[in-house]
Amino acid sequence: MSSIVKVIEVIAQSKKSWEDAAANAIKKASKSVDNIKSIYIKDMSAKVDNGKIVLYRIDAKISFVVGKKKK
């Protein structure tokens, strides 16, 4: 039996790092989406203030299996 996988695109940010921004994306998406299987980081950017990065941003695609109960 094959699975159906759906992909959503999300934007997330963090004051710490791009890795933390990705974790924030998964954490937020997990509140309304079950069975998340992967995250693909499409793009990364940062806001700079006075020569320092103050905000890390990502544009990501999150993949999840549709119709499968969470264990």
PDB file of N, CA and C in Angstrom:
ATOM      1  N   MET A   1       0.835  -1.172   0.000  1.00  0.00           N
ATOM      2  CA  MET A   1       0.000   0.000   0.000  1.00  0.00           C
ATOM      3  C   MET A   1       0.884   1.241   0.000  1.00  0.00           C
ATOM      4  N   SER A   2       0.603   2.155  -0.912  1.00  0.00           N
ATOM      5  CA  SER A   2       1.408   3.368  -0.988  1.00  0.00           C
ATOM      6  C   SER A   2       0.792   4.481  -0.143  1.00  0.00           C
ATOM      7  N   SER A   3       1.606   5.444   0.196  1.00  0.00           N
ATOM      8  CA  SER A   3       1.160   6.573   0.999  1.00  0.00           C
ATOM      9  C   SER A   3       1.019   7.812   0.125  1.00  0.00           C
ATOM     10  N   ILE A   4       0.158   8.704   0.541  1.00  0.00           N
ATOM     11  CA  ILE A   4       0.035  10.001  -0.109  1.00  0.00           C
ATOM     12  C   ILE A   4       0.770  11.005   0.763  1.00  0.00           C
ATOM     13  N   VAL A   5       1.667  11.754   0.136  1.00  0.00           N
ATOM     14  CA  VAL A   5       2.451  12.752   0.851  1.00  0.00           C
ATOM     15  C   VAL A   5       2.042  14.131   0.355  1.00  0.00           C
ATOM     16  N   LYS A   6       1.801  15.027   1.289  1.00  0.00           N
ATOM     17  CA  LYS A   6       1.439  16.403   0.964  1.00  0.00           C
ATOM     18  C   LYS A   6       2.593  17.305   1.381  1.00  0.00           C
ATOM     19  N   VAL A   7       2.776  18.398   0.654  1.00  0.00           N
ATOM     20  CA  VAL A   7       3.844  19.345   0.945  1.00  0.00           C
ATOM     21  C   VAL A   7       3.237  20.731   1.147  1.00  0.00           C
ATOM     22  N   ILE A   8       3.636  21.373   2.247  1.00  0.00           N
ATOM     23  CA  ILE A   8       3.214  22.754   2.491  1.00  0.00           C
ATOM     24  C   ILE A   8       4.463  23.630   2.557  1.00  0.00           C
ATOM     25  N   GLU A   9       4.303  24.870   2.177  1.00  0.00           N
ATOM     26  CA  GLU A   9       5.418  25.809   2.244  1.00  0.00           C
ATOM     27  C   GLU A   9       5.198  26.738   3.430  1.00  0.00           C
ATOM     28  N   VAL A  10       6.249  26.921   4.219  1.00  0.00           N
ATOM     29  CA  VAL A  10       6.156  27.755   5.418  1.00  0.00           C
ATOM     30  C   VAL A  10       7.332  28.725   5.484  1.00  0.00           C
ATOM     31  N   ILE A  11       7.135  29.788   6.221  1.00  0.00           N
ATOM     32  CA  ILE A  11       8.198  30.745   6.511  1.00  0.00           C
ATOM     33  C   ILE A  11       8.321  30.798   8.026  1.00  0.00           C
ATOM     34  N   ALA A  12       9.553  30.738   8.515  1.00  0.00           N
ATOM     35  CA  ALA A  12       9.789  30.769   9.965  1.00  0.00           C
ATOM     36  C   ALA A  12      11.021  31.619  10.260  1.00  0.00           C
ATOM     37  N   GLN A  13      11.142  32.012  11.521  1.00  0.00           N
ATOM     38  CA  GLN A  13      12.284  32.836  11.909  1.00  0.00           C
ATOM     39  C   GLN A  13      12.731  32.543  13.334  1.00  0.00           C
ATOM     40  N   SER A  14      13.939  33.003  13.636  1.00  0.00           N
ATOM     41  CA  SER A  14      14.514  32.812  14.961  1.00  0.00           C
ATOM     42  C   SER A  14      15.546  33.910  15.213  1.00  0.00           C
ATOM     43  N   LYS A  15      15.723  34.237  16.466  1.00  0.00           N
ATOM     44  CA  LYS A  15      16.783  35.175  16.842  1.00  0.00           C
ATOM     45  C   LYS A  15      18.111  34.452  17.050  1.00  0.00           C
ATOM     46  N   LYS A  16      18.078  33.090  17.099  1.00  0.00           N
ATOM     47  CA  LYS A  16      19.276  32.295  17.400  1.00  0.00           C
ATOM     48  C   LYS A  16      20.047  31.826  16.168  1.00  0.00           C
ATOM     49  N   SER A  17      19.336  31.126  15.240  1.00  0.00           N
ATOM     50  CA  SER A  17      20.031  30.499  14.110  1.00  0.00           C
ATOM     51  C   SER A  17      19.025  30.023  13.064  1.00  0.00           C
ATOM     52  N   TRP A  18      19.553  29.642  11.882  1.00  0.00           N
ATOM     53  CA  TRP A  18      18.685  29.060  10.866  1.00  0.00           C
ATOM     54  C   TRP A  18      18.182  27.698  11.321  1.00  0.00           C
ATOM     55  N   GLU A  19      19.012  26.948  12.030  1.00  0.00           N
ATOM     56  CA  GLU A  19      18.593  25.652  12.563  1.00  0.00           C
ATOM     57  C   GLU A  19      17.414  25.821  13.527  1.00  0.00           C
ATOM     58  N   ASP A  20      17.485  26.817  14.368  1.00  0.00           N
ATOM     59  CA  ASP A  20      16.393  27.093  15.304  1.00  0.00           C
ATOM     60  C   ASP A  20      15.136  27.552  14.553  1.00  0.00           C
ATOM     61  N   ALA A  21      15.314  28.298  13.477  1.00  0.00           N
ATOM     62  CA  ALA A  21      14.170  28.707  12.653  1.00  0.00           C
ATOM     63  C   ALA A  21      13.484  27.472  12.052  1.00  0.00           C
ATOM     64  N   ALA A  22      14.282  26.493  11.598  1.00  0.00           N
ATOM     65  CA  ALA A  22      13.715  25.247  11.060  1.00  0.00           C
ATOM     66  C   ALA A  22      12.962  24.485  12.150  1.00  0.00           C
ATOM     67  N   ALA A  23      13.537  24.427  13.348  1.00  0.00           N
ATOM     68  CA  ALA A  23      12.872  23.759  14.469  1.00  0.00           C
ATOM     69  C   ALA A  23      11.557  24.465  14.805  1.00  0.00           C
ATOM     70  N   ASN A  24      11.560  25.799  14.729  1.00  0.00           N
ATOM     71  CA  ASN A  24      10.334  26.559  14.982  1.00  0.00           C
ATOM     72  C   ASN A  24       9.268  26.250  13.936  1.00  0.00           C
ATOM     73  N   ALA A  25       9.683  26.084  12.679  1.00  0.00           N
ATOM     74  CA  ALA A  25       8.742  25.748  11.607  1.00  0.00           C
ATOM     75  C   ALA A  25       8.073  24.405  11.874  1.00  0.00           C
ATOM     76  N   ILE A  26       8.863  23.410  12.271  1.00  0.00           N
ATOM     77  CA  ILE A  26       8.323  22.077  12.568  1.00  0.00           C
ATOM     78  C   ILE A  26       7.412  22.133  13.791  1.00  0.00           C
ATOM     79  N   LYS A  27       7.851  22.839  14.815  1.00  0.00           N
ATOM     80  CA  LYS A  27       7.049  22.947  16.046  1.00  0.00           C
ATOM     81  C   LYS A  27       5.686  23.577  15.766  1.00  0.00           C
ATOM     82  N   LYS A  28       5.684  24.651  14.998  1.00  0.00           N
ATOM     83  CA  LYS A  28       4.431  25.349  14.683  1.00  0.00           C
ATOM     84  C   LYS A  28       3.538  24.496  13.776  1.00  0.00           C
ATOM     85  N   ALA A  29       4.118  23.892  12.742  1.00  0.00           N
ATOM     86  CA  ALA A  29       3.337  23.063  11.819  1.00  0.00           C
ATOM     87  C   ALA A  29       2.762  21.844  12.535  1.00  0.00           C
ATOM     88  N   SER A  30       3.482  21.295  13.493  1.00  0.00           N
ATOM     89  CA  SER A  30       3.038  20.107  14.234  1.00  0.00           C
ATOM     90  C   SER A  30       1.757  20.350  15.032  1.00  0.00           C
ATOM     91  N   LYS A  31       1.444  21.612  15.289  1.00  0.00           N
ATOM     92  CA  LYS A  31       0.218  21.924  16.026  1.00  0.00           C
ATOM     93  C   LYS A  31      -1.031  21.632  15.204  1.00  0.00           C
ATOM     94  N   SER A  32      -0.903  21.659  13.873  1.00  0.00           N
ATOM     95  CA  SER A  32      -2.079  21.417  13.027  1.00  0.00           C
ATOM     96  C   SER A  32      -1.882  20.305  12.002  1.00  0.00           C
ATOM     97  N   VAL A  33      -0.667  19.769  11.888  1.00  0.00           N
ATOM     98  CA  VAL A  33      -0.360  18.728  10.899  1.00  0.00           C
ATOM     99  C   VAL A  33       0.272  17.531  11.601  1.00  0.00           C
ATOM    100  N   ASP A  34      -0.258  16.337  11.319  1.00  0.00           N
ATOM    101  CA  ASP A  34       0.323  15.099  11.857  1.00  0.00           C
ATOM    102  C   ASP A  34       1.241  14.451  10.818  1.00  0.00           C
ATOM    103  N   ASN A  35       2.045  13.512  11.277  1.00  0.00           N
ATOM    104  CA  ASN A  35       2.864  12.659  10.407  1.00  0.00           C
ATOM    105  C   ASN A  35       3.876  13.418   9.565  1.00  0.00           C
ATOM    106  N   ILE A  36       4.492  14.463  10.124  1.00  0.00           N
ATOM    107  CA  ILE A  36       5.535  15.195   9.399  1.00  0.00           C
ATOM    108  C   ILE A  36       6.733  14.270   9.220  1.00  0.00           C
ATOM    109  N   LYS A  37       7.225  14.210   7.976  1.00  0.00           N
ATOM    110  CA  LYS A  37       8.328  13.308   7.642  1.00  0.00           C
ATOM    111  C   LYS A  37       9.618  14.025   7.296  1.00  0.00           C
ATOM    112  N   SER A  38       9.530  15.260   6.738  1.00  0.00           N
ATOM    113  CA  SER A  38      10.762  15.943   6.351  1.00  0.00           C
ATOM    114  C   SER A  38      10.544  17.441   6.205  1.00  0.00           C
ATOM    115  N   ILE A  39      11.673  18.152   6.231  1.00  0.00           N
ATOM    116  CA  ILE A  39      11.668  19.581   5.957  1.00  0.00           C
ATOM    117  C   ILE A  39      12.787  19.851   4.958  1.00  0.00           C
ATOM    118  N   TYR A  40      12.477  20.638   3.936  1.00  0.00           N
ATOM    119  CA  TYR A  40      13.441  21.029   2.919  1.00  0.00           C
ATOM    120  C   TYR A  40      13.568  22.544   2.994  1.00  0.00           C
ATOM    121  N   ILE A  41      14.769  23.026   3.263  1.00  0.00           N
ATOM    122  CA  ILE A  41      14.997  24.463   3.364  1.00  0.00           C
ATOM    123  C   ILE A  41      15.243  25.006   1.957  1.00  0.00           C
ATOM    124  N   LYS A  42      14.275  25.766   1.455  1.00  0.00           N
ATOM    125  CA  LYS A  42      14.363  26.336   0.113  1.00  0.00           C
ATOM    126  C   LYS A  42      15.276  27.553   0.066  1.00  0.00           C
ATOM    127  N   ASP A  43      15.174  28.385   1.090  1.00  0.00           N
ATOM    128  CA  ASP A  43      15.905  29.644   1.079  1.00  0.00           C
ATOM    129  C   ASP A  43      16.179  30.088   2.512  1.00  0.00           C
ATOM    130  N   MET A  44      17.298  30.758   2.689  1.00  0.00           N
ATOM    131  CA  MET A  44      17.645  31.324   3.993  1.00  0.00           C
ATOM    132  C   MET A  44      17.982  32.797   3.792  1.00  0.00           C
ATOM    133  N   SER A  45      17.585  33.613   4.753  1.00  0.00           N
ATOM    134  CA  SER A  45      17.947  35.026   4.731  1.00  0.00           C
ATOM    135  C   SER A  45      18.082  35.499   6.170  1.00  0.00           C
ATOM    136  N   ALA A  46      18.579  36.707   6.326  1.00  0.00           N
ATOM    137  CA  ALA A  46      18.750  37.239   7.676  1.00  0.00           C
ATOM    138  C   ALA A  46      18.542  38.744   7.657  1.00  0.00           C
ATOM    139  N   LYS A  47      18.047  39.246   8.767  1.00  0.00           N
ATOM    140  CA  LYS A  47      17.929  40.689   8.970  1.00  0.00           C
ATOM    141  C   LYS A  47      19.175  41.141   9.719  1.00  0.00           C
ATOM    142  N   VAL A  48      19.776  42.201   9.244  1.00  0.00           N
ATOM    143  CA  VAL A  48      21.009  42.706   9.848  1.00  0.00           C
ATOM    144  C   VAL A  48      20.755  44.097  10.409  1.00  0.00           C
ATOM    145  N   ASP A  49      21.286  44.320  11.616  1.00  0.00           N
ATOM    146  CA  ASP A  49      21.176  45.631  12.266  1.00  0.00           C
ATOM    147  C   ASP A  49      22.532  45.960  12.888  1.00  0.00           C
ATOM    148  N   ASN A  50      23.080  47.113  12.558  1.00  0.00           N
ATOM    149  CA  ASN A  50      24.396  47.532  13.079  1.00  0.00           C
ATOM    150  C   ASN A  50      25.479  46.481  12.852  1.00  0.00           C
ATOM    151  N   GLY A  51      25.473  45.854  11.680  1.00  0.00           N
ATOM    152  CA  GLY A  51      26.519  44.893  11.330  1.00  0.00           C
ATOM    153  C   GLY A  51      26.372  43.536  11.978  1.00  0.00           C
ATOM    154  N   LYS A  52      25.241  43.269  12.632  1.00  0.00           N
ATOM    155  CA  LYS A  52      25.023  41.974  13.280  1.00  0.00           C
ATOM    156  C   LYS A  52      23.706  41.372  12.807  1.00  0.00           C
ATOM    157  N   ILE A  53      23.703  40.047  12.689  1.00  0.00           N
ATOM    158  CA  ILE A  53      22.460  39.363  12.345  1.00  0.00           C
ATOM    159  C   ILE A  53      21.557  39.385  13.572  1.00  0.00           C
ATOM    160  N   VAL A  54      20.346  39.894  13.374  1.00  0.00           N
ATOM    161  CA  VAL A  54      19.402  39.976  14.484  1.00  0.00           C
ATOM    162  C   VAL A  54      18.203  39.043  14.294  1.00  0.00           C
ATOM    163  N   LEU A  55      18.014  38.512  13.067  1.00  0.00           N
ATOM    164  CA  LEU A  55      16.895  37.622  12.812  1.00  0.00           C
ATOM    165  C   LEU A  55      17.230  36.687  11.650  1.00  0.00           C
ATOM    166  N   TYR A  56      17.153  35.390  11.901  1.00  0.00           N
ATOM    167  CA  TYR A  56      17.396  34.366  10.889  1.00  0.00           C
ATOM    168  C   TYR A  56      16.049  33.913  10.334  1.00  0.00           C
ATOM    169  N   ARG A  57      15.927  33.874   9.011  1.00  0.00           N
ATOM    170  CA  ARG A  57      14.657  33.502   8.383  1.00  0.00           C
ATOM    171  C   ARG A  57      14.864  32.355   7.402  1.00  0.00           C
ATOM    172  N   ILE A  58      13.859  31.474   7.332  1.00  0.00           N
ATOM    173  CA  ILE A  58      13.886  30.394   6.345  1.00  0.00           C
ATOM    174  C   ILE A  58      12.555  30.326   5.600  1.00  0.00           C
ATOM    175  N   ASP A  59      12.643  29.859   4.372  1.00  0.00           N
ATOM    176  CA  ASP A  59      11.478  29.505   3.560  1.00  0.00           C
ATOM    177  C   ASP A  59      11.641  28.003   3.343  1.00  0.00           C
ATOM    178  N   ALA A  60      10.686  27.226   3.805  1.00  0.00           N
ATOM    179  CA  ALA A  60      10.859  25.774   3.800  1.00  0.00           C
ATOM    180  C   ALA A  60       9.621  25.049   3.293  1.00  0.00           C
ATOM    181  N   LYS A  61       9.846  23.812   2.849  1.00  0.00           N
ATOM    182  CA  LYS A  61       8.756  22.920   2.474  1.00  0.00           C
ATOM    183  C   LYS A  61       8.727  21.785   3.488  1.00  0.00           C
ATOM    184  N   ILE A  62       7.558  21.532   4.051  1.00  0.00           N
ATOM    185  CA  ILE A  62       7.373  20.467   5.026  1.00  0.00           C
ATOM    186  C   ILE A  62       6.510  19.379   4.385  1.00  0.00           C
ATOM    187  N   SER A  63       7.004  18.140   4.431  1.00  0.00           N
ATOM    188  CA  SER A  63       6.281  16.999   3.850  1.00  0.00           C
ATOM    189  C   SER A  63       5.662  16.165   4.960  1.00  0.00           C
ATOM    190  N   PHE A  64       4.427  15.703   4.708  1.00  0.00           N
ATOM    191  CA  PHE A  64       3.758  14.846   5.690  1.00  0.00           C
ATOM    192  C   PHE A  64       2.849  13.860   4.995  1.00  0.00           C
ATOM    193  N   VAL A  65       2.645  12.713   5.653  1.00  0.00           N
ATOM    194  CA  VAL A  65       1.792  11.653   5.117  1.00  0.00           C
ATOM    195  C   VAL A  65       0.342  11.982   5.439  1.00  0.00           C
ATOM    196  N   VAL A  66      -0.505  11.877   4.440  1.00  0.00           N
ATOM    197  CA  VAL A  66      -1.929  12.179   4.588  1.00  0.00           C
ATOM    198  C   VAL A  66      -2.694  10.901   4.890  1.00  0.00           C
ATOM    199  N   GLY A  67      -3.630  10.982   5.826  1.00  0.00           N
ATOM    200  CA  GLY A  67      -4.532   9.874   6.094  1.00  0.00           C
ATOM    201  C   GLY A  67      -3.987   8.764   6.975  1.00  0.00           C
ATOM    202  N   LYS A  68      -2.836   8.964   7.586  1.00  0.00           N
ATOM    203  CA  LYS A  68      -2.264   7.947   8.462  1.00  0.00           C
ATOM    204  C   LYS A  68      -2.391   8.447   9.900  1.00  0.00           C
ATOM    205  N   LYS A  69      -2.870   7.599  10.779  1.00  0.00           N
ATOM    206  CA  LYS A  69      -3.038   7.986  12.188  1.00  0.00           C
ATOM    207  C   LYS A  69      -1.693   8.124  12.865  1.00  0.00           C
ATOM    208  N   LYS A  70      -1.570   9.145  13.704  1.00  0.00           N
ATOM    209  CA  LYS A  70      -0.356   9.384  14.479  1.00  0.00           C
ATOM    210  C   LYS A  70      -0.252   8.344  15.575  1.00  0.00           C
ATOM    211  N   LYS A  71       0.934   7.761  15.731  1.00  0.00           N
ATOM    212  CA  LYS A  71       1.139   6.730  16.763  1.00  0.00           C
ATOM    213  C   LYS A  71       1.687   7.337  18.009  1.00  0.00           C
TER     214      LYS A  71
END
